């Protein structure tokens, strides 16, 4: 857990939220005393429905060209 002053927390809120999302606890202090904590929120993960995923994949049409060929064509056509 790292400590951050309230003034710095105001200036770095986005960074502190990113750190919390990565699992780090951040303690906010005022005049050297802890006043708040930023912790990662509990996120419920939904299970993957493999049958539905396979059905979706099977319903997609096959592409006429490979991904590499398509990407080269897009890259070369958009050059200036």
N, C-alpha and C. Protein backbone atom coordinates (compact mmCIF):
# COMPACT_ATOMS: atom_id res chain seq x y z
N UNK A 1 0.85 -1.16 0.00
CA UNK A 1 0.00 0.00 0.00
C UNK A 1 0.90 1.23 0.00
N UNK A 2 0.58 2.19 -0.86
CA UNK A 2 1.38 3.40 -0.91
C UNK A 2 0.57 4.57 -0.37
N UNK A 3 1.29 5.55 0.16
CA UNK A 3 0.65 6.75 0.70
C UNK A 3 0.77 7.90 -0.28
N UNK A 4 -0.30 8.67 -0.41
CA UNK A 4 -0.33 9.84 -1.27
C UNK A 4 -1.01 10.95 -0.49
N UNK A 5 -0.44 12.15 -0.57
CA UNK A 5 -1.06 13.27 0.12
C UNK A 5 -2.35 13.66 -0.60
N UNK A 6 -3.24 14.32 0.10
CA UNK A 6 -4.51 14.73 -0.47
C UNK A 6 -4.28 15.66 -1.66
N UNK A 7 -3.35 16.57 -1.54
CA UNK A 7 -3.07 17.51 -2.65
C UNK A 7 -2.60 16.75 -3.89
N UNK A 8 -1.71 15.77 -3.70
CA UNK A 8 -1.24 14.97 -4.84
C UNK A 8 -2.34 14.09 -5.39
N UNK A 9 -3.20 13.59 -4.52
CA UNK A 9 -4.30 12.74 -4.97
C UNK A 9 -5.26 13.52 -5.87
N UNK A 10 -5.48 14.78 -5.54
CA UNK A 10 -6.34 15.61 -6.39
C UNK A 10 -5.74 15.76 -7.78
N UNK A 11 -4.43 15.93 -7.82
CA UNK A 11 -3.75 16.15 -9.10
C UNK A 11 -3.57 14.85 -9.90
N UNK A 12 -3.57 13.70 -9.22
CA UNK A 12 -3.25 12.43 -9.87
C UNK A 12 -4.39 11.42 -9.78
N UNK A 13 -5.60 11.87 -9.72
CA UNK A 13 -6.71 10.95 -9.49
C UNK A 13 -6.79 9.85 -10.55
N UNK A 14 -6.65 10.21 -11.81
CA UNK A 14 -6.73 9.19 -12.87
C UNK A 14 -5.66 8.13 -12.69
N UNK A 15 -4.45 8.54 -12.37
CA UNK A 15 -3.36 7.60 -12.14
C UNK A 15 -3.65 6.70 -10.94
N UNK A 16 -4.19 7.28 -9.87
CA UNK A 16 -4.50 6.50 -8.68
C UNK A 16 -5.60 5.47 -8.96
N UNK A 17 -6.57 5.85 -9.76
CA UNK A 17 -7.63 4.91 -10.13
C UNK A 17 -7.05 3.77 -10.96
N UNK A 18 -6.17 4.08 -11.89
CA UNK A 18 -5.52 3.04 -12.68
C UNK A 18 -4.74 2.07 -11.79
N UNK A 19 -4.02 2.63 -10.83
CA UNK A 19 -3.27 1.78 -9.90
C UNK A 19 -4.20 0.87 -9.12
N UNK A 20 -5.33 1.42 -8.69
CA UNK A 20 -6.30 0.61 -7.95
C UNK A 20 -6.88 -0.49 -8.84
N UNK A 21 -7.13 -0.17 -10.10
CA UNK A 21 -7.66 -1.18 -11.02
C UNK A 21 -6.67 -2.32 -11.22
N UNK A 22 -5.39 -2.04 -11.10
CA UNK A 22 -4.36 -3.09 -11.21
C UNK A 22 -4.21 -3.86 -9.92
N UNK A 23 -4.96 -3.50 -8.87
CA UNK A 23 -4.95 -4.25 -7.63
C UNK A 23 -4.19 -3.61 -6.49
N UNK A 24 -3.66 -2.43 -6.68
CA UNK A 24 -2.89 -1.76 -5.64
C UNK A 24 -3.81 -0.92 -4.74
N UNK A 25 -3.59 -1.01 -3.43
CA UNK A 25 -4.31 -0.15 -2.49
C UNK A 25 -3.53 1.15 -2.35
N UNK A 26 -4.24 2.27 -2.37
CA UNK A 26 -3.60 3.58 -2.22
C UNK A 26 -4.24 4.27 -1.02
N UNK A 27 -3.41 4.70 -0.08
CA UNK A 27 -3.91 5.40 1.10
C UNK A 27 -3.68 6.90 0.91
N UNK A 28 -4.72 7.69 1.15
CA UNK A 28 -4.64 9.14 1.03
C UNK A 28 -4.49 9.72 2.43
N UNK A 29 -3.51 10.61 2.55
CA UNK A 29 -3.23 11.21 3.86
C UNK A 29 -3.43 12.72 3.82
N UNK A 30 -3.77 13.25 4.98
CA UNK A 30 -3.86 14.70 5.17
C UNK A 30 -3.06 15.01 6.42
N UNK A 31 -2.08 15.87 6.25
CA UNK A 31 -1.18 16.24 7.35
C UNK A 31 -0.54 15.00 7.99
N UNK A 32 -0.21 14.03 7.15
CA UNK A 32 0.48 12.84 7.62
C UNK A 32 -0.39 11.76 8.21
N UNK A 33 -1.70 12.00 8.30
CA UNK A 33 -2.60 11.00 8.89
C UNK A 33 -3.52 10.42 7.80
N UNK A 34 -3.72 9.11 7.80
CA UNK A 34 -4.58 8.50 6.78
C UNK A 34 -6.03 8.97 6.92
N UNK A 35 -6.63 9.36 5.79
CA UNK A 35 -8.02 9.80 5.82
C UNK A 35 -8.91 9.00 4.85
N UNK A 36 -8.31 8.34 3.87
CA UNK A 36 -9.11 7.59 2.90
C UNK A 36 -8.24 6.56 2.21
N UNK A 37 -8.91 5.60 1.55
CA UNK A 37 -8.21 4.59 0.76
C UNK A 37 -8.91 4.42 -0.57
N UNK A 38 -8.12 4.20 -1.60
CA UNK A 38 -8.66 3.82 -2.91
C UNK A 38 -8.27 2.36 -3.10
N UNK A 39 -9.28 1.52 -3.26
CA UNK A 39 -9.06 0.09 -3.42
C UNK A 39 -9.80 -0.39 -4.66
N UNK A 40 -9.37 -1.49 -5.26
CA UNK A 40 -10.07 -1.99 -6.44
C UNK A 40 -11.49 -2.43 -6.09
N UNK A 41 -12.40 -2.12 -6.97
CA UNK A 41 -13.79 -2.55 -6.78
C UNK A 41 -13.90 -4.03 -7.12
N UNK A 42 -14.77 -4.71 -6.44
CA UNK A 42 -15.01 -6.12 -6.73
C UNK A 42 -15.83 -6.21 -8.01
N UNK A 43 -15.30 -6.96 -8.95
CA UNK A 43 -16.00 -7.13 -10.22
C UNK A 43 -16.40 -8.58 -10.37
N UNK A 44 -17.67 -8.80 -10.62
CA UNK A 44 -18.16 -10.15 -10.82
C UNK A 44 -17.95 -10.53 -12.28
N UNK A 45 -17.27 -11.60 -12.49
CA UNK A 45 -17.03 -12.07 -13.86
C UNK A 45 -18.13 -13.04 -14.27
N UNK A 46 -18.61 -12.83 -15.48
CA UNK A 46 -19.63 -13.72 -16.01
C UNK A 46 -18.95 -14.93 -16.64
N UNK A 47 -19.50 -16.10 -16.46
CA UNK A 47 -18.90 -17.28 -17.09
C UNK A 47 -19.07 -17.22 -18.61
N UNK A 48 -18.12 -17.80 -19.31
CA UNK A 48 -18.17 -17.83 -20.77
C UNK A 48 -19.06 -18.98 -21.22
N UNK A 49 -20.00 -18.67 -22.09
CA UNK A 49 -20.88 -19.69 -22.67
C UNK A 49 -20.21 -20.19 -23.95
N UNK A 50 -19.45 -21.28 -23.85
CA UNK A 50 -18.68 -21.77 -24.98
C UNK A 50 -19.55 -22.27 -26.12
N UNK A 51 -20.72 -22.78 -25.80
CA UNK A 51 -21.63 -23.26 -26.84
C UNK A 51 -22.11 -22.07 -27.68
N UNK A 52 -22.50 -20.98 -27.03
CA UNK A 52 -22.96 -19.80 -27.74
C UNK A 52 -21.81 -19.17 -28.53
N UNK A 53 -20.61 -19.17 -27.96
CA UNK A 53 -19.45 -18.61 -28.65
C UNK A 53 -19.13 -19.41 -29.91
N UNK A 54 -19.19 -20.72 -29.80
CA UNK A 54 -18.93 -21.56 -30.96
C UNK A 54 -20.00 -21.37 -32.03
N UNK A 55 -21.27 -21.23 -31.61
CA UNK A 55 -22.35 -21.01 -32.56
C UNK A 55 -22.16 -19.68 -33.29
N UNK A 56 -21.74 -18.66 -32.56
CA UNK A 56 -21.49 -17.36 -33.19
C UNK A 56 -20.34 -17.46 -34.19
N UNK A 57 -19.27 -18.11 -33.79
CA UNK A 57 -18.11 -18.26 -34.66
C UNK A 57 -18.47 -19.04 -35.93
N UNK A 58 -19.26 -20.08 -35.77
CA UNK A 58 -19.66 -20.89 -36.93
C UNK A 58 -20.59 -20.12 -37.86
N UNK A 59 -21.33 -19.15 -37.34
CA UNK A 59 -22.27 -18.40 -38.18
C UNK A 59 -21.59 -17.28 -38.98
N UNK A 60 -20.35 -16.96 -38.65
CA UNK A 60 -19.65 -15.90 -39.37
C UNK A 60 -19.14 -16.42 -40.71
N UNK A 61 -19.24 -15.60 -41.77
CA UNK A 61 -18.76 -16.07 -43.07
C UNK A 61 -17.23 -16.10 -43.12
N UNK A 62 -16.68 -17.03 -43.90
CA UNK A 62 -15.24 -17.08 -44.11
C UNK A 62 -14.82 -15.90 -44.98
N UNK A 63 -13.65 -15.37 -44.72
CA UNK A 63 -13.14 -14.25 -45.49
C UNK A 63 -12.49 -14.75 -46.78
N UNK A 64 -12.52 -13.90 -47.81
CA UNK A 64 -11.97 -14.28 -49.11
C UNK A 64 -10.45 -14.30 -49.11
N UNK A 65 -9.84 -13.46 -48.27
CA UNK A 65 -8.38 -13.38 -48.26
C UNK A 65 -7.87 -13.52 -46.83
N UNK A 66 -6.60 -13.84 -46.70
CA UNK A 66 -6.03 -14.02 -45.37
C UNK A 66 -5.92 -12.67 -44.67
N UNK A 67 -5.79 -12.71 -43.36
CA UNK A 67 -5.67 -11.48 -42.58
C UNK A 67 -4.42 -10.71 -42.97
N UNK A 68 -3.32 -11.43 -43.19
CA UNK A 68 -2.08 -10.77 -43.57
C UNK A 68 -2.21 -10.03 -44.89
N UNK A 69 -2.83 -10.66 -45.87
CA UNK A 69 -3.04 -10.02 -47.17
C UNK A 69 -3.94 -8.80 -47.02
N UNK A 70 -5.01 -8.95 -46.28
CA UNK A 70 -5.93 -7.82 -46.08
C UNK A 70 -5.24 -6.65 -45.39
N UNK A 71 -4.46 -6.95 -44.36
CA UNK A 71 -3.78 -5.90 -43.61
C UNK A 71 -2.75 -5.19 -44.47
N UNK A 72 -1.98 -5.94 -45.29
CA UNK A 72 -1.02 -5.30 -46.19
C UNK A 72 -1.71 -4.37 -47.17
N UNK A 73 -2.86 -4.82 -47.70
CA UNK A 73 -3.60 -4.01 -48.66
C UNK A 73 -4.10 -2.72 -48.02
N UNK A 74 -4.66 -2.83 -46.82
CA UNK A 74 -5.15 -1.64 -46.10
C UNK A 74 -4.00 -0.69 -45.80
N UNK A 75 -2.88 -1.25 -45.34
CA UNK A 75 -1.72 -0.44 -45.01
C UNK A 75 -1.19 0.28 -46.25
N UNK A 76 -1.05 -0.43 -47.36
CA UNK A 76 -0.47 0.16 -48.56
C UNK A 76 -1.40 1.17 -49.22
N UNK A 77 -2.70 0.95 -49.15
CA UNK A 77 -3.64 1.89 -49.78
C UNK A 77 -3.79 3.19 -48.99
N UNK A 78 -3.49 3.15 -47.72
CA UNK A 78 -3.69 4.36 -46.91
C UNK A 78 -2.42 5.19 -46.79
N UNK A 79 -1.37 4.80 -47.49
CA UNK A 79 -0.14 5.62 -47.46
C UNK A 79 -0.36 6.90 -48.24
N UNK A 80 0.35 7.92 -47.88
CA UNK A 80 0.17 9.22 -48.51
C UNK A 80 1.22 9.51 -49.51
